[in-house]
Every structure is written in structure tokens, then in C-alpha cells.
Full PDB file with SEQRES, HELIX, SHEET, SSBOND, CRYST1, ORIGX, SCALE, CONECT and MASTER records, all heavy atoms in Angstrom:
SEQRES   1 A   34  ALA LYS GLU PHE LEU VAL GLN GLN GLY VAL ALA ALA ASP          
SEQRES   2 A   34  LYS LEU GLN ILE ILE SER TYR GLY LYS ASP LYS PRO GLN          
SEQRES   3 A   34  CYS THR ASP ALA ALA GLU GLY CYS                              
HELIX    1 AA1 LYS A    2  GLN A    7  1                                   6    
HELIX    2 AA2 ALA A   12  LYS A   14  5                                   3    
SSBOND   1 CYS A   27    CYS A   34                          1555   1555  2.08  
CRYST1    1.000    1.000    1.000  90.00  90.00  90.00 P 1           1          
ORIGX1      1.000000  0.000000  0.000000        0.00000                         
ORIGX2      0.000000  1.000000  0.000000        0.00000                         
ORIGX3      0.000000  0.000000  1.000000        0.00000                         
SCALE1      1.000000  0.000000  0.000000        0.00000                         
SCALE2      0.000000  1.000000  0.000000        0.00000                         
SCALE3      0.000000  0.000000  1.000000        0.00000                         
ATOM      1  N   ALA A   1     -44.316  13.562  19.100  1.00  0.00           N  
ATOM      2  CA  ALA A   1     -44.567  14.843  19.783  1.00  0.00           C  
ATOM      3  C   ALA A   1     -45.578  14.666  20.927  1.00  0.00           C  
ATOM      4  O   ALA A   1     -45.412  15.221  22.019  1.00  0.00           O  
ATOM      5  CB  ALA A   1     -45.069  15.876  18.779  1.00  0.00           C  
ATOM      6  N   LYS A   2     -46.619  13.849  20.673  1.00  0.00           N  
ATOM      7  CA  LYS A   2     -47.614  13.611  21.723  1.00  0.00           C  
ATOM      8  C   LYS A   2     -46.984  12.922  22.937  1.00  0.00           C  
ATOM      9  O   LYS A   2     -47.234  13.315  24.080  1.00  0.00           O  
ATOM     10  CB  LYS A   2     -48.760  12.770  21.172  1.00  0.00           C  
ATOM     11  CG  LYS A   2     -49.804  12.419  22.227  1.00  0.00           C  
ATOM     12  CD  LYS A   2     -50.927  11.559  21.662  1.00  0.00           C  
ATOM     13  CE  LYS A   2     -51.930  11.169  22.758  1.00  0.00           C  
ATOM     14  NZ  LYS A   2     -53.043  10.347  22.210  1.00  0.00           N  
ATOM     15  N   GLU A   3     -46.192  11.892  22.691  1.00  0.00           N  
ATOM     16  CA  GLU A   3     -45.577  11.167  23.794  1.00  0.00           C  
ATOM     17  C   GLU A   3     -44.686  12.086  24.628  1.00  0.00           C  
ATOM     18  O   GLU A   3     -44.650  11.997  25.871  1.00  0.00           O  
ATOM     19  CB  GLU A   3     -44.763   9.983  23.249  1.00  0.00           C  
ATOM     20  CG  GLU A   3     -45.637   8.890  22.668  1.00  0.00           C  
ATOM     21  CD  GLU A   3     -44.826   7.781  22.031  1.00  0.00           C  
ATOM     22  OE1 GLU A   3     -43.589   7.970  21.871  1.00  0.00           O  
ATOM     23  OE2 GLU A   3     -45.415   6.742  21.669  1.00  0.00           O  
ATOM     24  N   PHE A   4     -43.971  12.998  23.967  1.00  0.00           N  
ATOM     25  CA  PHE A   4     -43.126  13.927  24.704  1.00  0.00           C  
ATOM     26  C   PHE A   4     -43.972  14.857  25.576  1.00  0.00           C  
ATOM     27  O   PHE A   4     -43.651  15.118  26.739  1.00  0.00           O  
ATOM     28  CB  PHE A   4     -42.267  14.751  23.741  1.00  0.00           C  
ATOM     29  CG  PHE A   4     -41.259  15.627  24.415  1.00  0.00           C  
ATOM     30  CD1 PHE A   4     -39.979  15.166  24.688  1.00  0.00           C  
ATOM     31  CD2 PHE A   4     -41.592  16.930  24.814  1.00  0.00           C  
ATOM     32  CE1 PHE A   4     -39.053  15.978  25.329  1.00  0.00           C  
ATOM     33  CE2 PHE A   4     -40.665  17.736  25.447  1.00  0.00           C  
ATOM     34  CZ  PHE A   4     -39.394  17.266  25.714  1.00  0.00           C  
ATOM     35  N   LEU A   5     -45.061  15.360  25.030  1.00  0.00           N  
ATOM     36  CA  LEU A   5     -45.933  16.265  25.795  1.00  0.00           C  
ATOM     37  C   LEU A   5     -46.556  15.558  26.996  1.00  0.00           C  
ATOM     38  O   LEU A   5     -46.671  16.136  28.080  1.00  0.00           O  
ATOM     39  CB  LEU A   5     -47.033  16.827  24.881  1.00  0.00           C  
ATOM     40  CG  LEU A   5     -46.557  17.801  23.790  1.00  0.00           C  
ATOM     41  CD1 LEU A   5     -47.702  18.124  22.834  1.00  0.00           C  
ATOM     42  CD2 LEU A   5     -46.004  19.088  24.404  1.00  0.00           C  
ATOM     43  N   VAL A   6     -46.940  14.308  26.808  1.00  0.00           N  
ATOM     44  CA  VAL A   6     -47.521  13.546  27.922  1.00  0.00           C  
ATOM     45  C   VAL A   6     -46.474  13.375  29.021  1.00  0.00           C  
ATOM     46  O   VAL A   6     -46.783  13.453  30.226  1.00  0.00           O  
ATOM     47  CB  VAL A   6     -48.058  12.196  27.424  1.00  0.00           C  
ATOM     48  CG1 VAL A   6     -48.454  11.306  28.603  1.00  0.00           C  
ATOM     49  CG2 VAL A   6     -49.247  12.412  26.497  1.00  0.00           C  
ATOM     50  N   GLN A   7     -45.213  13.127  28.615  1.00  0.00           N  
ATOM     51  CA  GLN A   7     -44.150  13.007  29.604  1.00  0.00           C  
ATOM     52  C   GLN A   7     -43.952  14.313  30.388  1.00  0.00           C  
ATOM     53  O   GLN A   7     -43.511  14.289  31.541  1.00  0.00           O  
ATOM     54  CB  GLN A   7     -42.837  12.624  28.913  1.00  0.00           C  
ATOM     55  CG  GLN A   7     -42.833  11.218  28.342  1.00  0.00           C  
ATOM     56  CD  GLN A   7     -41.588  10.929  27.530  1.00  0.00           C  
ATOM     57  OE1 GLN A   7     -40.695  11.790  27.417  1.00  0.00           O  
ATOM     58  NE2 GLN A   7     -41.499   9.731  26.967  1.00  0.00           N  
ATOM     59  N   GLN A   8     -44.327  15.433  29.795  1.00  0.00           N  
ATOM     60  CA  GLN A   8     -44.216  16.732  30.466  1.00  0.00           C  
ATOM     61  C   GLN A   8     -45.433  17.053  31.331  1.00  0.00           C  
ATOM     62  O   GLN A   8     -45.515  18.137  31.925  1.00  0.00           O  
ATOM     63  CB  GLN A   8     -44.031  17.852  29.431  1.00  0.00           C  
ATOM     64  CG  GLN A   8     -42.803  17.686  28.546  1.00  0.00           C  
ATOM     65  CD  GLN A   8     -41.519  17.594  29.347  1.00  0.00           C  
ATOM     66  OE1 GLN A   8     -41.255  18.442  30.196  1.00  0.00           O  
ATOM     67  NE2 GLN A   8     -40.716  16.572  29.089  1.00  0.00           N  
ATOM     68  N   GLY A   9     -46.374  16.124  31.408  1.00  0.00           N  
ATOM     69  CA  GLY A   9     -47.521  16.314  32.288  1.00  0.00           C  
ATOM     70  C   GLY A   9     -48.793  16.761  31.605  1.00  0.00           C  
ATOM     71  O   GLY A   9     -49.784  17.078  32.285  1.00  0.00           O  
ATOM     72  N   VAL A  10     -48.819  16.777  30.287  1.00  0.00           N  
ATOM     73  CA  VAL A  10     -50.044  17.155  29.573  1.00  0.00           C  
ATOM     74  C   VAL A  10     -50.971  15.944  29.516  1.00  0.00           C  
ATOM     75  O   VAL A  10     -50.534  14.814  29.247  1.00  0.00           O  
ATOM     76  CB  VAL A  10     -49.718  17.651  28.148  1.00  0.00           C  
ATOM     77  CG1 VAL A  10     -50.995  18.016  27.399  1.00  0.00           C  
ATOM     78  CG2 VAL A  10     -48.760  18.834  28.211  1.00  0.00           C  
ATOM     79  N   ALA A  11     -52.261  16.184  29.762  1.00  0.00           N  
ATOM     80  CA  ALA A  11     -53.242  15.081  29.754  1.00  0.00           C  
ATOM     81  C   ALA A  11     -53.337  14.468  28.371  1.00  0.00           C  
ATOM     82  O   ALA A  11     -53.596  15.164  27.380  1.00  0.00           O  
ATOM     83  CB  ALA A  11     -54.608  15.597  30.209  1.00  0.00           C  
ATOM     84  N   ALA A  12     -53.146  13.154  28.289  1.00  0.00           N  
ATOM     85  CA  ALA A  12     -53.151  12.478  26.991  1.00  0.00           C  
ATOM     86  C   ALA A  12     -54.512  12.536  26.313  1.00  0.00           C  
ATOM     87  O   ALA A  12     -54.600  12.599  25.067  1.00  0.00           O  
ATOM     88  CB  ALA A  12     -52.718  11.023  27.175  1.00  0.00           C  
ATOM     89  N   ASP A  13     -55.621  12.541  27.142  1.00  0.00           N  
ATOM     90  CA  ASP A  13     -56.944  12.520  26.521  1.00  0.00           C  
ATOM     91  C   ASP A  13     -57.321  13.863  25.897  1.00  0.00           C  
ATOM     92  O   ASP A  13     -58.353  13.988  25.243  1.00  0.00           O  
ATOM     93  CB  ASP A  13     -58.008  12.119  27.542  1.00  0.00           C  
ATOM     94  CG  ASP A  13     -58.074  13.067  28.731  1.00  0.00           C  
ATOM     95  OD1 ASP A  13     -57.130  13.877  28.913  1.00  0.00           O  
ATOM     96  OD2 ASP A  13     -59.072  13.029  29.483  1.00  0.00           O  
ATOM     97  N   LYS A  14     -56.458  14.877  26.104  1.00  0.00           N  
ATOM     98  CA  LYS A  14     -56.701  16.174  25.475  1.00  0.00           C  
ATOM     99  C   LYS A  14     -56.000  16.292  24.127  1.00  0.00           C  
ATOM    100  O   LYS A  14     -56.170  17.297  23.430  1.00  0.00           O  
ATOM    101  CB  LYS A  14     -56.189  17.311  26.390  1.00  0.00           C  
ATOM    102  CG  LYS A  14     -56.790  17.328  27.788  1.00  0.00           C  
ATOM    103  CD  LYS A  14     -58.259  17.709  27.761  1.00  0.00           C  
ATOM    104  CE  LYS A  14     -58.822  17.844  29.164  1.00  0.00           C  
ATOM    105  NZ  LYS A  14     -60.263  18.174  29.142  1.00  0.00           N  
ATOM    106  N   LEU A  15     -55.207  15.288  23.779  1.00  0.00           N  
ATOM    107  CA  LEU A  15     -54.374  15.353  22.582  1.00  0.00           C  
ATOM    108  C   LEU A  15     -54.834  14.330  21.545  1.00  0.00           C  
ATOM    109  O   LEU A  15     -55.063  13.165  21.865  1.00  0.00           O  
ATOM    110  CB  LEU A  15     -52.905  15.108  22.946  1.00  0.00           C  
ATOM    111  CG  LEU A  15     -52.301  16.047  24.015  1.00  0.00           C  
ATOM    112  CD1 LEU A  15     -50.872  15.605  24.340  1.00  0.00           C  
ATOM    113  CD2 LEU A  15     -52.320  17.501  23.541  1.00  0.00           C  
ATOM    114  N   GLN A  16     -54.956  14.786  20.328  1.00  0.00           N  
ATOM    115  CA  GLN A  16     -55.270  13.904  19.199  1.00  0.00           C  
ATOM    116  C   GLN A  16     -54.145  14.052  18.172  1.00  0.00           C  
ATOM    117  O   GLN A  16     -53.448  15.071  18.155  1.00  0.00           O  
ATOM    118  CB  GLN A  16     -56.610  14.298  18.556  1.00  0.00           C  
ATOM    119  CG  GLN A  16     -57.793  14.285  19.513  1.00  0.00           C  
ATOM    120  CD  GLN A  16     -59.058  14.859  18.901  1.00  0.00           C  
ATOM    121  OE1 GLN A  16     -59.096  15.163  17.699  1.00  0.00           O  
ATOM    122  NE2 GLN A  16     -60.094  15.025  19.721  1.00  0.00           N  
ATOM    123  N   ILE A  17     -53.967  13.060  17.324  1.00  0.00           N  
ATOM    124  CA  ILE A  17     -52.930  13.153  16.291  1.00  0.00           C  
ATOM    125  C   ILE A  17     -53.561  12.950  14.922  1.00  0.00           C  
ATOM    126  O   ILE A  17     -54.588  12.263  14.776  1.00  0.00           O  
ATOM    127  CB  ILE A  17     -51.806  12.129  16.523  1.00  0.00           C  
ATOM    128  CG1 ILE A  17     -52.354  10.703  16.457  1.00  0.00           C  
ATOM    129  CG2 ILE A  17     -51.090  12.407  17.833  1.00  0.00           C  
ATOM    130  CD1 ILE A  17     -51.244   9.644  16.500  1.00  0.00           C  
ATOM    131  N   ILE A  18     -52.910  13.571  13.935  1.00  0.00           N  
ATOM    132  CA  ILE A  18     -53.324  13.404  12.544  1.00  0.00           C  
ATOM    133  C   ILE A  18     -52.096  13.607  11.671  1.00  0.00           C  
ATOM    134  O   ILE A  18     -51.196  14.387  12.018  1.00  0.00           O  
ATOM    135  CB  ILE A  18     -54.437  14.407  12.182  1.00  0.00           C  
ATOM    136  CG1 ILE A  18     -54.994  14.104  10.782  1.00  0.00           C  
ATOM    137  CG2 ILE A  18     -53.928  15.846  12.262  1.00  0.00           C  
ATOM    138  CD1 ILE A  18     -56.233  14.923  10.448  1.00  0.00           C  
ATOM    139  N   SER A  19     -52.042  12.893  10.573  1.00  0.00           N  
ATOM    140  CA  SER A  19     -50.929  13.031   9.644  1.00  0.00           C  
ATOM    141  C   SER A  19     -51.445  13.604   8.327  1.00  0.00           C  
ATOM    142  O   SER A  19     -52.430  13.102   7.772  1.00  0.00           O  
ATOM    143  CB  SER A  19     -50.256  11.683   9.380  1.00  0.00           C  
ATOM    144  OG  SER A  19     -49.262  11.821   8.379  1.00  0.00           O  
ATOM    145  N   TYR A  20     -50.781  14.669   7.869  1.00  0.00           N  
ATOM    146  CA  TYR A  20     -51.107  15.245   6.568  1.00  0.00           C  
ATOM    147  C   TYR A  20     -50.046  14.892   5.517  1.00  0.00           C  
ATOM    148  O   TYR A  20     -50.166  15.307   4.366  1.00  0.00           O  
ATOM    149  CB  TYR A  20     -51.229  16.768   6.668  1.00  0.00           C  
ATOM    150  CG  TYR A  20     -52.494  17.208   7.402  1.00  0.00           C  
ATOM    151  CD1 TYR A  20     -52.423  17.696   8.693  1.00  0.00           C  
ATOM    152  CD2 TYR A  20     -53.734  17.120   6.784  1.00  0.00           C  
ATOM    153  CE1 TYR A  20     -53.559  18.102   9.368  1.00  0.00           C  
ATOM    154  CE2 TYR A  20     -54.874  17.525   7.457  1.00  0.00           C  
ATOM    155  CZ  TYR A  20     -54.795  18.009   8.745  1.00  0.00           C  
ATOM    156  OH  TYR A  20     -55.939  18.393   9.406  1.00  0.00           O  
ATOM    157  N   GLY A  21     -49.003  14.139   5.940  1.00  0.00           N  
ATOM    158  CA  GLY A  21     -47.956  13.770   4.985  1.00  0.00           C  
ATOM    159  C   GLY A  21     -47.376  15.015   4.354  1.00  0.00           C  
ATOM    160  O   GLY A  21     -46.946  15.935   5.035  1.00  0.00           O  
ATOM    161  N   LYS A  22     -47.411  15.016   2.997  1.00  0.00           N  
ATOM    162  CA  LYS A  22     -46.897  16.181   2.284  1.00  0.00           C  
ATOM    163  C   LYS A  22     -48.015  17.014   1.660  1.00  0.00           C  
ATOM    164  O   LYS A  22     -47.766  17.858   0.808  1.00  0.00           O  
ATOM    165  CB  LYS A  22     -45.927  15.721   1.189  1.00  0.00           C  
ATOM    166  CG  LYS A  22     -46.540  14.790   0.147  1.00  0.00           C  
ATOM    167  CD  LYS A  22     -45.498  14.408  -0.872  1.00  0.00           C  
ATOM    168  CE  LYS A  22     -46.084  13.474  -1.948  1.00  0.00           C  
ATOM    169  NZ  LYS A  22     -45.078  13.096  -2.950  1.00  0.00           N  
ATOM    170  N   ASP A  23     -49.271  16.801   2.140  1.00  0.00           N  
ATOM    171  CA  ASP A  23     -50.417  17.466   1.508  1.00  0.00           C  
ATOM    172  C   ASP A  23     -50.563  18.946   1.895  1.00  0.00           C  
ATOM    173  O   ASP A  23     -51.192  19.698   1.151  1.00  0.00           O  
ATOM    174  CB  ASP A  23     -51.711  16.737   1.874  1.00  0.00           C  
ATOM    175  CG  ASP A  23     -51.777  15.344   1.235  1.00  0.00           C  
ATOM    176  OD1 ASP A  23     -51.029  15.126   0.266  1.00  0.00           O  
ATOM    177  OD2 ASP A  23     -52.549  14.510   1.729  1.00  0.00           O  
ATOM    178  N   LYS A  24     -50.054  19.363   3.053  1.00  0.00           N  
ATOM    179  CA  LYS A  24     -50.216  20.760   3.476  1.00  0.00           C  
ATOM    180  C   LYS A  24     -48.848  21.366   3.775  1.00  0.00           C  
ATOM    181  O   LYS A  24     -48.508  21.646   4.917  1.00  0.00           O  
ATOM    182  CB  LYS A  24     -51.106  20.855   4.712  1.00  0.00           C  
ATOM    183  CG  LYS A  24     -52.566  20.492   4.431  1.00  0.00           C  
ATOM    184  CD  LYS A  24     -53.424  20.743   5.662  1.00  0.00           C  
ATOM    185  CE  LYS A  24     -54.899  20.482   5.375  1.00  0.00           C  
ATOM    186  NZ  LYS A  24     -55.756  20.783   6.536  1.00  0.00           N  
ATOM    187  N   PRO A  25     -48.047  21.587   2.727  1.00  0.00           N  
ATOM    188  CA  PRO A  25     -46.713  22.143   2.945  1.00  0.00           C  
ATOM    189  C   PRO A  25     -46.802  23.601   3.386  1.00  0.00           C  
ATOM    190  O   PRO A  25     -47.702  24.350   2.977  1.00  0.00           O  
ATOM    191  CB  PRO A  25     -46.051  22.009   1.580  1.00  0.00           C  
ATOM    192  CG  PRO A  25     -47.181  22.043   0.605  1.00  0.00           C  
ATOM    193  CD  PRO A  25     -48.322  21.347   1.286  1.00  0.00           C  
ATOM    194  N   GLN A  26     -45.872  24.000   4.225  1.00  0.00           N  
ATOM    195  CA  GLN A  26     -45.780  25.393   4.647  1.00  0.00           C  
ATOM    196  C   GLN A  26     -44.977  26.210   3.645  1.00  0.00           C  
ATOM    197  O   GLN A  26     -45.122  27.413   3.559  1.00  0.00           O  
ATOM    198  CB  GLN A  26     -45.130  25.469   6.038  1.00  0.00           C  
ATOM    199  CG  GLN A  26     -45.304  26.805   6.750  1.00  0.00           C  
ATOM    200  CD  GLN A  26     -44.806  26.753   8.184  1.00  0.00           C  
ATOM    201  OE1 GLN A  26     -43.856  26.023   8.466  1.00  0.00           O  
ATOM    202  NE2 GLN A  26     -45.459  27.507   9.067  1.00  0.00           N  
ATOM    203  N   CYS A  27     -44.133  25.514   2.881  1.00  0.00           N  
ATOM    204  CA  CYS A  27     -43.295  26.170   1.889  1.00  0.00           C  
ATOM    205  C   CYS A  27     -43.224  25.249   0.660  1.00  0.00           C  
ATOM    206  O   CYS A  27     -43.191  24.022   0.791  1.00  0.00           O  
ATOM    207  CB  CYS A  27     -41.906  26.405   2.454  1.00  0.00           C  
ATOM    208  SG  CYS A  27     -40.752  27.173   1.298  1.00  0.00           S  
ATOM    209  N   THR A  28     -43.179  25.841  -0.544  1.00  0.00           N  
ATOM    210  CA  THR A  28     -43.214  25.027  -1.776  1.00  0.00           C  
ATOM    211  C   THR A  28     -41.946  25.136  -2.609  1.00  0.00           C  
ATOM    212  O   THR A  28     -41.886  24.624  -3.730  1.00  0.00           O  
ATOM    213  CB  THR A  28     -44.416  25.450  -2.652  1.00  0.00           C  
ATOM    214  OG1 THR A  28     -44.326  26.853  -2.950  1.00  0.00           O  
ATOM    215  CG2 THR A  28     -45.724  25.142  -1.951  1.00  0.00           C  
ATOM    216  N   ASP A  29     -40.905  25.784  -2.072  1.00  0.00           N  
ATOM    217  CA  ASP A  29     -39.665  25.879  -2.824  1.00  0.00           C  
ATOM    218  C   ASP A  29     -38.919  24.544  -2.757  1.00  0.00           C  
ATOM    219  O   ASP A  29     -38.905  23.876  -1.720  1.00  0.00           O  
ATOM    220  CB  ASP A  29     -38.759  26.976  -2.259  1.00  0.00           C  
ATOM    221  CG  ASP A  29     -39.380  28.369  -2.449  1.00  0.00           C  
ATOM    222  OD1 ASP A  29     -40.224  28.519  -3.355  1.00  0.00           O  
ATOM    223  OD2 ASP A  29     -39.035  29.288  -1.646  1.00  0.00           O  
ATOM    224  N   ALA A  30     -38.278  24.184  -3.872  1.00  0.00           N  
ATOM    225  CA  ALA A  30     -37.503  22.941  -3.905  1.00  0.00           C  
ATOM    226  C   ALA A  30     -36.110  23.219  -3.380  1.00  0.00           C  
ATOM    227  O   ALA A  30     -35.119  23.236  -4.115  1.00  0.00           O  
ATOM    228  CB  ALA A  30     -37.450  22.390  -5.332  1.00  0.00           C  
ATOM    229  N   ALA A  31     -36.002  23.432  -2.079  1.00  0.00           N  
ATOM    230  CA  ALA A  31     -34.721  23.743  -1.449  1.00  0.00           C  
ATOM    231  C   ALA A  31     -34.768  23.230  -0.017  1.00  0.00           C  
ATOM    232  O   ALA A  31     -35.837  23.066   0.583  1.00  0.00           O  
ATOM    233  CB  ALA A  31     -34.455  25.243  -1.473  1.00  0.00           C  
ATOM    234  N   GLU A  32     -33.564  22.964   0.527  1.00  0.00           N  
ATOM    235  CA  GLU A  32     -33.506  22.381   1.870  1.00  0.00           C  
ATOM    236  C   GLU A  32     -34.131  23.285   2.922  1.00  0.00           C  
ATOM    237  O   GLU A  32     -34.786  22.816   3.853  1.00  0.00           O  
ATOM    238  CB  GLU A  32     -32.053  22.076   2.233  1.00  0.00           C  
ATOM    239  CG  GLU A  32     -31.857  21.497   3.627  1.00  0.00           C  
ATOM    240  CD  GLU A  32     -32.684  20.231   3.873  1.00  0.00           C  
ATOM    241  OE1 GLU A  32     -32.923  19.461   2.907  1.00  0.00           O  
ATOM    242  OE2 GLU A  32     -33.121  20.009   5.033  1.00  0.00           O  
ATOM    243  N   GLY A  33     -33.932  24.590   2.790  1.00  0.00           N  
ATOM    244  CA  GLY A  33     -34.542  25.492   3.753  1.00  0.00           C  
ATOM    245  C   GLY A  33     -36.053  25.365   3.781  1.00  0.00           C  
ATOM    246  O   GLY A  33     -36.687  25.411   4.848  1.00  0.00           O  
ATOM    247  N   CYS A  34     -36.632  25.182   2.608  1.00  0.00           N  
ATOM    248  CA  CYS A  34     -38.081  25.015   2.524  1.00  0.00           C  
ATOM    249  C   CYS A  34     -38.486  23.630   3.008  1.00  0.00           C  
ATOM    250  O   CYS A  34     -39.501  23.481   3.709  1.00  0.00           O  
ATOM    251  CB  CYS A  34     -38.525  25.235   1.083  1.00  0.00           C  
ATOM    252  SG  CYS A  34     -40.325  25.181   0.868  1.00  0.00           S  
TER     253      CYS A  34                                                      
CONECT  208  252                                                                
CONECT  252  208                                                                
MASTER        0    0    0    2    0    0    0    6  252    1    2    3          
END                                                                             
């Protein structure tokens, strides 16, 4: 996502990345939609 934004002209030094893996789910249902 960062690389795409930089290609669109966003300053790279303004962007940081972090991975939460599966620790902060937005939905907890065991279904494909979730």
C-alpha cells in the first residue's frame, strides 16, 4: 500500500508501516464476509 501511494506522489518520509497480523480484527465472525 505504501509503495502504491508513493507512486501517486505521496511523500515517502510521511508514511510509516506496521503489521498487526491477526491481532486487531475488525470482525470476529468465522465467515468469508468477516
